Amino acid sequence: MPLSIFVIMDTAYSGDLADDARQGSVWIVASPNNEAAANHARAAIARECPIPDRITTFTADADDDLALAGLLTTIRTHHGELAASSPWDSIHVIGRTIGHLRPSRIATALGLHDVELVEEPSGFVIHRSRPQRG
């Protein structure tokens, strides 16, 4: 089953972090608000079932393109084709717009040939590009 990844760049994230973690792995930028939300979500998930910790906090400038590219390289290491039994299918980036990000730069950070970026109200989604069928 394909895995969804949630990259939360919003230092005051108000979404349901436990629900996000039930759907996939969550990487959330560290802030006092987000640290408290992550601890609460971890406790909620632990009570429900023995799911390994799916919430990781990280330190980065939420507006820095290089920081996002570096994080995506780390995600590639943890959730890529060789590291996971089911590699990621989509990465939901919350709290950032596509802005001037180039798909080729994102693809390179993820070790892929190409990706598709889709704008959403809360940010954008990175999809693996599917091979064209003739």
N, C-alpha and C. Protein backbone atom coordinates (compact mmCIF):
# COMPACT_ATOMS: atom_id res chain seq x y z
N MET A 1 0.84 -1.18 0.00
CA MET A 1 0.00 0.00 0.00
C MET A 1 0.88 1.24 0.00
N PRO A 2 0.63 2.22 -0.90
CA PRO A 2 1.45 3.42 -0.95
C PRO A 2 1.35 4.23 0.34
N LEU A 3 2.42 4.89 0.66
CA LEU A 3 2.53 5.67 1.89
C LEU A 3 2.42 7.15 1.58
N SER A 4 1.64 7.86 2.40
CA SER A 4 1.60 9.31 2.33
C SER A 4 2.56 9.86 3.37
N ILE A 5 3.23 10.93 3.00
CA ILE A 5 4.12 11.64 3.91
C ILE A 5 3.54 13.04 4.09
N PHE A 6 3.57 13.54 5.30
CA PHE A 6 3.13 14.89 5.58
C PHE A 6 4.33 15.69 6.08
N VAL A 7 4.66 16.76 5.37
CA VAL A 7 5.74 17.66 5.76
C VAL A 7 5.06 18.96 6.18
N ILE A 8 5.11 19.25 7.46
CA ILE A 8 4.40 20.41 7.99
C ILE A 8 5.42 21.51 8.29
N MET A 9 5.37 22.58 7.50
CA MET A 9 6.29 23.69 7.63
C MET A 9 5.68 24.85 8.41
N ASP A 10 4.47 24.68 8.88
CA ASP A 10 3.73 25.71 9.62
C ASP A 10 4.10 25.59 11.10
N THR A 11 4.71 26.65 11.67
CA THR A 11 5.15 26.60 13.07
C THR A 11 3.98 26.65 14.05
N ALA A 12 2.79 26.98 13.56
CA ALA A 12 1.59 27.03 14.41
C ALA A 12 0.52 26.11 13.82
N TYR A 13 0.91 24.89 13.47
CA TYR A 13 0.00 23.95 12.84
C TYR A 13 -1.18 23.67 13.76
N SER A 14 -2.40 23.76 13.19
CA SER A 14 -3.60 23.54 14.00
C SER A 14 -4.42 22.35 13.49
N GLY A 15 -3.86 21.58 12.57
CA GLY A 15 -4.56 20.40 12.06
C GLY A 15 -4.51 19.25 13.05
N ASP A 16 -5.12 18.15 12.69
CA ASP A 16 -5.17 16.96 13.54
C ASP A 16 -3.94 16.10 13.26
N LEU A 17 -2.91 16.30 14.04
CA LEU A 17 -1.64 15.62 13.84
C LEU A 17 -1.77 14.11 14.02
N ALA A 18 -2.58 13.69 14.97
CA ALA A 18 -2.79 12.24 15.18
C ALA A 18 -3.43 11.62 13.94
N ASP A 19 -4.41 12.31 13.36
CA ASP A 19 -5.05 11.79 12.15
C ASP A 19 -4.06 11.75 10.99
N ASP A 20 -3.24 12.79 10.87
CA ASP A 20 -2.20 12.78 9.83
C ASP A 20 -1.30 11.56 10.00
N ALA A 21 -0.90 11.27 11.24
CA ALA A 21 0.00 10.15 11.51
C ALA A 21 -0.68 8.80 11.25
N ARG A 22 -1.98 8.75 11.38
CA ARG A 22 -2.70 7.51 11.05
C ARG A 22 -2.66 7.23 9.55
N GLN A 23 -2.53 8.29 8.76
CA GLN A 23 -2.52 8.17 7.30
C GLN A 23 -1.12 7.97 6.73
N GLY A 24 -0.10 8.30 7.50
CA GLY A 24 1.27 8.18 7.00
C GLY A 24 2.26 8.77 7.97
N SER A 25 3.47 8.93 7.51
CA SER A 25 4.52 9.50 8.36
C SER A 25 4.45 11.02 8.32
N VAL A 26 4.71 11.64 9.47
CA VAL A 26 4.64 13.09 9.60
C VAL A 26 6.00 13.63 9.99
N TRP A 27 6.43 14.66 9.27
CA TRP A 27 7.63 15.42 9.59
C TRP A 27 7.15 16.85 9.84
N ILE A 28 7.33 17.34 11.07
CA ILE A 28 6.78 18.64 11.45
C ILE A 28 7.88 19.54 11.99
N VAL A 29 7.89 20.79 11.51
CA VAL A 29 8.91 21.74 11.93
C VAL A 29 8.75 22.02 13.44
N ALA A 30 9.87 22.05 14.14
CA ALA A 30 9.84 22.23 15.59
C ALA A 30 9.46 23.66 15.96
N SER A 31 8.56 23.76 16.92
CA SER A 31 8.16 25.02 17.55
C SER A 31 7.48 24.61 18.85
N PRO A 32 7.36 25.51 19.81
CA PRO A 32 6.67 25.11 21.04
C PRO A 32 5.26 24.56 20.77
N ASN A 33 4.50 25.19 19.88
CA ASN A 33 3.16 24.71 19.54
C ASN A 33 3.21 23.31 18.94
N ASN A 34 4.11 23.12 17.98
CA ASN A 34 4.17 21.84 17.28
C ASN A 34 4.73 20.72 18.15
N GLU A 35 5.68 21.04 19.03
CA GLU A 35 6.21 20.03 19.95
C GLU A 35 5.10 19.51 20.86
N ALA A 36 4.28 20.42 21.38
CA ALA A 36 3.16 20.02 22.25
C ALA A 36 2.15 19.19 21.46
N ALA A 37 1.84 19.61 20.24
CA ALA A 37 0.89 18.85 19.41
C ALA A 37 1.44 17.47 19.08
N ALA A 38 2.74 17.38 18.79
CA ALA A 38 3.37 16.09 18.47
C ALA A 38 3.30 15.15 19.67
N ASN A 39 3.60 15.66 20.86
CA ASN A 39 3.54 14.82 22.06
C ASN A 39 2.12 14.34 22.32
N HIS A 40 1.14 15.22 22.15
CA HIS A 40 -0.27 14.84 22.34
C HIS A 40 -0.67 13.77 21.31
N ALA A 41 -0.29 13.95 20.06
CA ALA A 41 -0.64 12.99 19.00
C ALA A 41 0.03 11.64 19.24
N ARG A 42 1.29 11.66 19.65
CA ARG A 42 1.99 10.39 19.94
C ARG A 42 1.26 9.62 21.04
N ALA A 43 0.82 10.33 22.08
CA ALA A 43 0.11 9.68 23.18
C ALA A 43 -1.23 9.10 22.69
N ALA A 44 -1.94 9.84 21.84
CA ALA A 44 -3.23 9.37 21.32
C ALA A 44 -3.05 8.12 20.47
N ILE A 45 -2.04 8.11 19.64
CA ILE A 45 -1.81 6.96 18.76
C ILE A 45 -1.36 5.75 19.57
N ALA A 46 -0.53 5.95 20.57
CA ALA A 46 -0.04 4.85 21.41
C ALA A 46 -1.20 4.15 22.12
N ARG A 47 -2.24 4.90 22.48
CA ARG A 47 -3.40 4.30 23.16
C ARG A 47 -4.23 3.46 22.20
N GLU A 48 -4.21 3.78 20.93
CA GLU A 48 -5.05 3.10 19.96
C GLU A 48 -4.47 1.77 19.49
N CYS A 49 -3.21 1.77 19.14
CA CYS A 49 -2.58 0.57 18.64
C CYS A 49 -1.06 0.76 18.63
N PRO A 50 -0.34 -0.33 18.56
CA PRO A 50 1.12 -0.24 18.63
C PRO A 50 1.76 0.15 17.29
N ILE A 51 1.46 1.38 16.82
CA ILE A 51 2.07 1.88 15.59
C ILE A 51 3.42 2.48 15.96
N PRO A 52 4.47 2.15 15.24
CA PRO A 52 5.75 2.79 15.52
C PRO A 52 5.62 4.31 15.38
N ASP A 53 6.47 5.03 16.06
CA ASP A 53 6.42 6.49 16.03
C ASP A 53 6.48 6.98 14.59
N ARG A 54 5.44 7.68 14.18
CA ARG A 54 5.36 8.18 12.81
C ARG A 54 5.44 9.70 12.77
N ILE A 55 5.80 10.33 13.88
CA ILE A 55 5.88 11.79 13.93
C ILE A 55 7.31 12.18 14.27
N THR A 56 7.94 12.93 13.38
CA THR A 56 9.31 13.38 13.56
C THR A 56 9.32 14.90 13.53
N THR A 57 9.94 15.51 14.52
CA THR A 57 10.12 16.96 14.48
C THR A 57 11.50 17.27 13.92
N PHE A 58 11.61 18.40 13.24
CA PHE A 58 12.87 18.81 12.66
C PHE A 58 13.02 20.32 12.80
N THR A 59 14.23 20.79 12.78
CA THR A 59 14.52 22.21 12.88
C THR A 59 14.91 22.73 11.51
N ALA A 60 14.21 23.76 11.06
CA ALA A 60 14.51 24.37 9.76
C ALA A 60 13.78 25.69 9.65
N ASP A 61 14.25 26.53 8.76
CA ASP A 61 13.54 27.75 8.41
C ASP A 61 12.43 27.35 7.45
N ALA A 62 11.20 27.57 7.86
CA ALA A 62 10.05 27.11 7.08
C ALA A 62 9.98 27.73 5.69
N ASP A 63 10.63 28.86 5.47
CA ASP A 63 10.57 29.52 4.17
C ASP A 63 11.79 29.27 3.31
N ASP A 64 12.71 28.47 3.76
CA ASP A 64 13.98 28.25 3.08
C ASP A 64 13.87 27.08 2.10
N ASP A 65 14.06 27.36 0.81
CA ASP A 65 13.99 26.31 -0.21
C ASP A 65 15.07 25.25 0.00
N LEU A 66 16.27 25.67 0.41
CA LEU A 66 17.35 24.70 0.64
C LEU A 66 17.03 23.79 1.81
N ALA A 67 16.39 24.34 2.85
CA ALA A 67 16.00 23.51 3.99
C ALA A 67 14.97 22.46 3.56
N LEU A 68 14.03 22.87 2.72
CA LEU A 68 13.02 21.91 2.23
C LEU A 68 13.68 20.84 1.38
N ALA A 69 14.59 21.23 0.50
CA ALA A 69 15.29 20.25 -0.35
C ALA A 69 16.09 19.28 0.52
N GLY A 70 16.75 19.78 1.54
CA GLY A 70 17.50 18.91 2.45
C GLY A 70 16.60 17.94 3.18
N LEU A 71 15.45 18.43 3.62
CA LEU A 71 14.50 17.55 4.30
C LEU A 71 13.98 16.48 3.36
N LEU A 72 13.70 16.85 2.12
CA LEU A 72 13.22 15.86 1.15
C LEU A 72 14.27 14.79 0.88
N THR A 73 15.54 15.17 0.91
CA THR A 73 16.61 14.17 0.76
C THR A 73 16.61 13.22 1.96
N THR A 74 16.38 13.75 3.15
CA THR A 74 16.27 12.90 4.35
C THR A 74 15.07 11.98 4.24
N ILE A 75 13.95 12.50 3.76
CA ILE A 75 12.75 11.67 3.58
C ILE A 75 13.04 10.57 2.57
N ARG A 76 13.76 10.88 1.53
CA ARG A 76 14.16 9.85 0.54
C ARG A 76 14.92 8.73 1.23
N THR A 77 15.81 9.08 2.15
CA THR A 77 16.60 8.07 2.87
C THR A 77 15.70 7.19 3.74
N HIS A 78 14.73 7.80 4.39
CA HIS A 78 13.87 7.07 5.32
C HIS A 78 12.69 6.36 4.67
N HIS A 79 12.20 6.89 3.56
CA HIS A 79 10.96 6.37 2.97
C HIS A 79 11.08 6.07 1.48
N GLY A 80 12.28 5.97 0.98
CA GLY A 80 12.48 5.71 -0.45
C GLY A 80 12.33 4.25 -0.79
N GLU A 81 12.55 3.96 -2.05
CA GLU A 81 12.37 2.61 -2.59
C GLU A 81 13.20 1.56 -1.85
N LEU A 82 14.42 1.92 -1.45
CA LEU A 82 15.31 0.95 -0.82
C LEU A 82 15.16 0.90 0.70
N ALA A 83 14.53 1.91 1.28
CA ALA A 83 14.46 1.99 2.73
C ALA A 83 13.15 1.52 3.33
N ALA A 84 12.12 1.45 2.53
CA ALA A 84 10.79 1.13 3.07
C ALA A 84 10.16 -0.02 2.30
N SER A 85 9.36 -0.81 3.01
CA SER A 85 8.67 -1.91 2.34
C SER A 85 7.63 -1.37 1.36
N SER A 86 7.11 -0.20 1.65
CA SER A 86 6.16 0.47 0.76
C SER A 86 6.60 1.92 0.64
N PRO A 87 7.27 2.28 -0.46
CA PRO A 87 7.76 3.65 -0.59
C PRO A 87 6.61 4.66 -0.73
N TRP A 88 6.91 5.90 -0.48
CA TRP A 88 5.88 6.95 -0.52
C TRP A 88 5.29 7.11 -1.92
N ASP A 89 4.03 7.54 -1.93
CA ASP A 89 3.32 7.83 -3.16
C ASP A 89 3.07 9.33 -3.31
N SER A 90 2.82 9.99 -2.17
CA SER A 90 2.59 11.43 -2.19
C SER A 90 3.18 12.06 -0.94
N ILE A 91 3.66 13.28 -1.10
CA ILE A 91 4.18 14.06 0.02
C ILE A 91 3.36 15.34 0.08
N HIS A 92 2.64 15.51 1.18
CA HIS A 92 1.80 16.69 1.39
C HIS A 92 2.63 17.72 2.15
N VAL A 93 2.94 18.84 1.51
CA VAL A 93 3.70 19.90 2.15
C VAL A 93 2.70 20.95 2.61
N ILE A 94 2.61 21.13 3.92
CA ILE A 94 1.62 22.01 4.52
C ILE A 94 2.33 23.24 5.09
N GLY A 95 1.78 24.42 4.81
CA GLY A 95 2.36 25.64 5.33
C GLY A 95 3.38 26.28 4.40
N ARG A 96 3.44 25.83 3.18
CA ARG A 96 4.34 26.38 2.14
C ARG A 96 3.58 26.39 0.83
N THR A 97 3.87 27.36 0.00
CA THR A 97 3.32 27.37 -1.35
C THR A 97 4.40 26.86 -2.30
N ILE A 98 3.99 26.49 -3.48
CA ILE A 98 4.96 26.07 -4.49
C ILE A 98 5.88 27.24 -4.81
N GLY A 99 5.29 28.44 -4.91
CA GLY A 99 6.09 29.62 -5.20
C GLY A 99 6.98 29.40 -6.42
N HIS A 100 8.26 29.61 -6.25
CA HIS A 100 9.19 29.45 -7.37
C HIS A 100 9.94 28.11 -7.33
N LEU A 101 9.44 27.16 -6.53
CA LEU A 101 10.07 25.84 -6.51
C LEU A 101 9.93 25.17 -7.87
N ARG A 102 11.00 24.60 -8.34
CA ARG A 102 10.98 23.89 -9.63
C ARG A 102 10.80 22.40 -9.37
N PRO A 103 9.91 21.76 -10.13
CA PRO A 103 9.75 20.31 -9.97
C PRO A 103 11.06 19.55 -10.13
N SER A 104 11.94 20.01 -11.02
CA SER A 104 13.21 19.31 -11.24
C SER A 104 14.07 19.33 -9.98
N ARG A 105 14.05 20.43 -9.24
CA ARG A 105 14.84 20.50 -8.00
C ARG A 105 14.27 19.55 -6.94
N ILE A 106 12.95 19.51 -6.84
CA ILE A 106 12.30 18.60 -5.89
C ILE A 106 12.59 17.16 -6.28
N ALA A 107 12.48 16.85 -7.58
CA ALA A 107 12.76 15.49 -8.05
C ALA A 107 14.19 15.08 -7.73
N THR A 108 15.14 15.98 -7.94
CA THR A 108 16.54 15.68 -7.64
C THR A 108 16.72 15.37 -6.16
N ALA A 109 16.11 16.18 -5.29
CA ALA A 109 16.22 15.95 -3.84
C ALA A 109 15.66 14.59 -3.45
N LEU A 110 14.65 14.14 -4.19
CA LEU A 110 14.02 12.85 -3.88
C LEU A 110 14.61 11.69 -4.67
N GLY A 111 15.62 11.97 -5.49
CA GLY A 111 16.26 10.91 -6.26
C GLY A 111 15.39 10.37 -7.38
N LEU A 112 14.55 11.22 -7.93
CA LEU A 112 13.62 10.81 -8.99
C LEU A 112 13.91 11.58 -10.27
N HIS A 113 13.40 11.06 -11.37
CA HIS A 113 13.54 11.73 -12.66
C HIS A 113 12.59 12.92 -12.76
N ASP A 114 11.37 12.77 -12.24
CA ASP A 114 10.36 13.80 -12.37
C ASP A 114 9.32 13.65 -11.28
N VAL A 115 8.70 14.77 -10.91
CA VAL A 115 7.58 14.77 -9.97
C VAL A 115 6.53 15.74 -10.48
N GLU A 116 5.34 15.60 -9.94
CA GLU A 116 4.26 16.53 -10.23
C GLU A 116 3.95 17.30 -8.95
N LEU A 117 3.87 18.63 -9.03
CA LEU A 117 3.51 19.47 -7.89
C LEU A 117 2.09 19.98 -8.10
N VAL A 118 1.24 19.77 -7.10
CA VAL A 118 -0.16 20.19 -7.19
C VAL A 118 -0.46 21.12 -6.03
N GLU A 119 -0.87 22.35 -6.36
CA GLU A 119 -1.22 23.34 -5.35
C GLU A 119 -2.48 22.93 -4.61
N GLU A 120 -2.50 23.15 -3.30
CA GLU A 120 -3.68 22.92 -2.46
C GLU A 120 -3.86 24.13 -1.55
N PRO A 121 -5.03 24.30 -0.95
CA PRO A 121 -5.24 25.46 -0.07
C PRO A 121 -4.24 25.53 1.09
N SER A 122 -3.83 24.39 1.61
CA SER A 122 -2.93 24.38 2.76
C SER A 122 -1.45 24.30 2.37
N GLY A 123 -1.15 24.18 1.09
CA GLY A 123 0.23 24.04 0.64
C GLY A 123 0.28 23.42 -0.74
N PHE A 124 0.97 22.29 -0.86
CA PHE A 124 1.02 21.58 -2.13
C PHE A 124 1.35 20.12 -1.89
N VAL A 125 1.12 19.31 -2.92
CA VAL A 125 1.40 17.88 -2.85
C VAL A 125 2.41 17.54 -3.93
N ILE A 126 3.36 16.70 -3.56
CA ILE A 126 4.34 16.17 -4.50
C ILE A 126 3.91 14.74 -4.82
N HIS A 127 3.69 14.48 -6.11
CA HIS A 127 3.34 13.13 -6.56
C HIS A 127 4.49 12.57 -7.39
N ARG A 128 4.75 11.30 -7.23
CA ARG A 128 5.68 10.64 -8.14
C ARG A 128 5.07 10.69 -9.53
N SER A 129 5.84 11.03 -10.53
CA SER A 129 5.35 11.01 -11.91
C SER A 129 5.24 9.57 -12.36
N ARG A 130 4.16 9.27 -13.01
CA ARG A 130 3.93 7.92 -13.51
C ARG A 130 4.48 7.80 -14.92
N PRO A 131 5.09 6.67 -15.25
CA PRO A 131 5.57 6.49 -16.62
C PRO A 131 4.41 6.56 -17.61
N GLN A 132 4.66 7.18 -18.74
CA GLN A 132 3.63 7.26 -19.79
C GLN A 132 3.47 5.88 -20.41
N ARG A 133 2.23 5.50 -20.62
CA ARG A 133 1.95 4.21 -21.27
C ARG A 133 1.58 4.47 -22.71
N GLY A 134 2.17 3.70 -23.61
CA GLY A 134 1.97 3.91 -25.03
C GLY A 134 0.79 3.26 -25.52
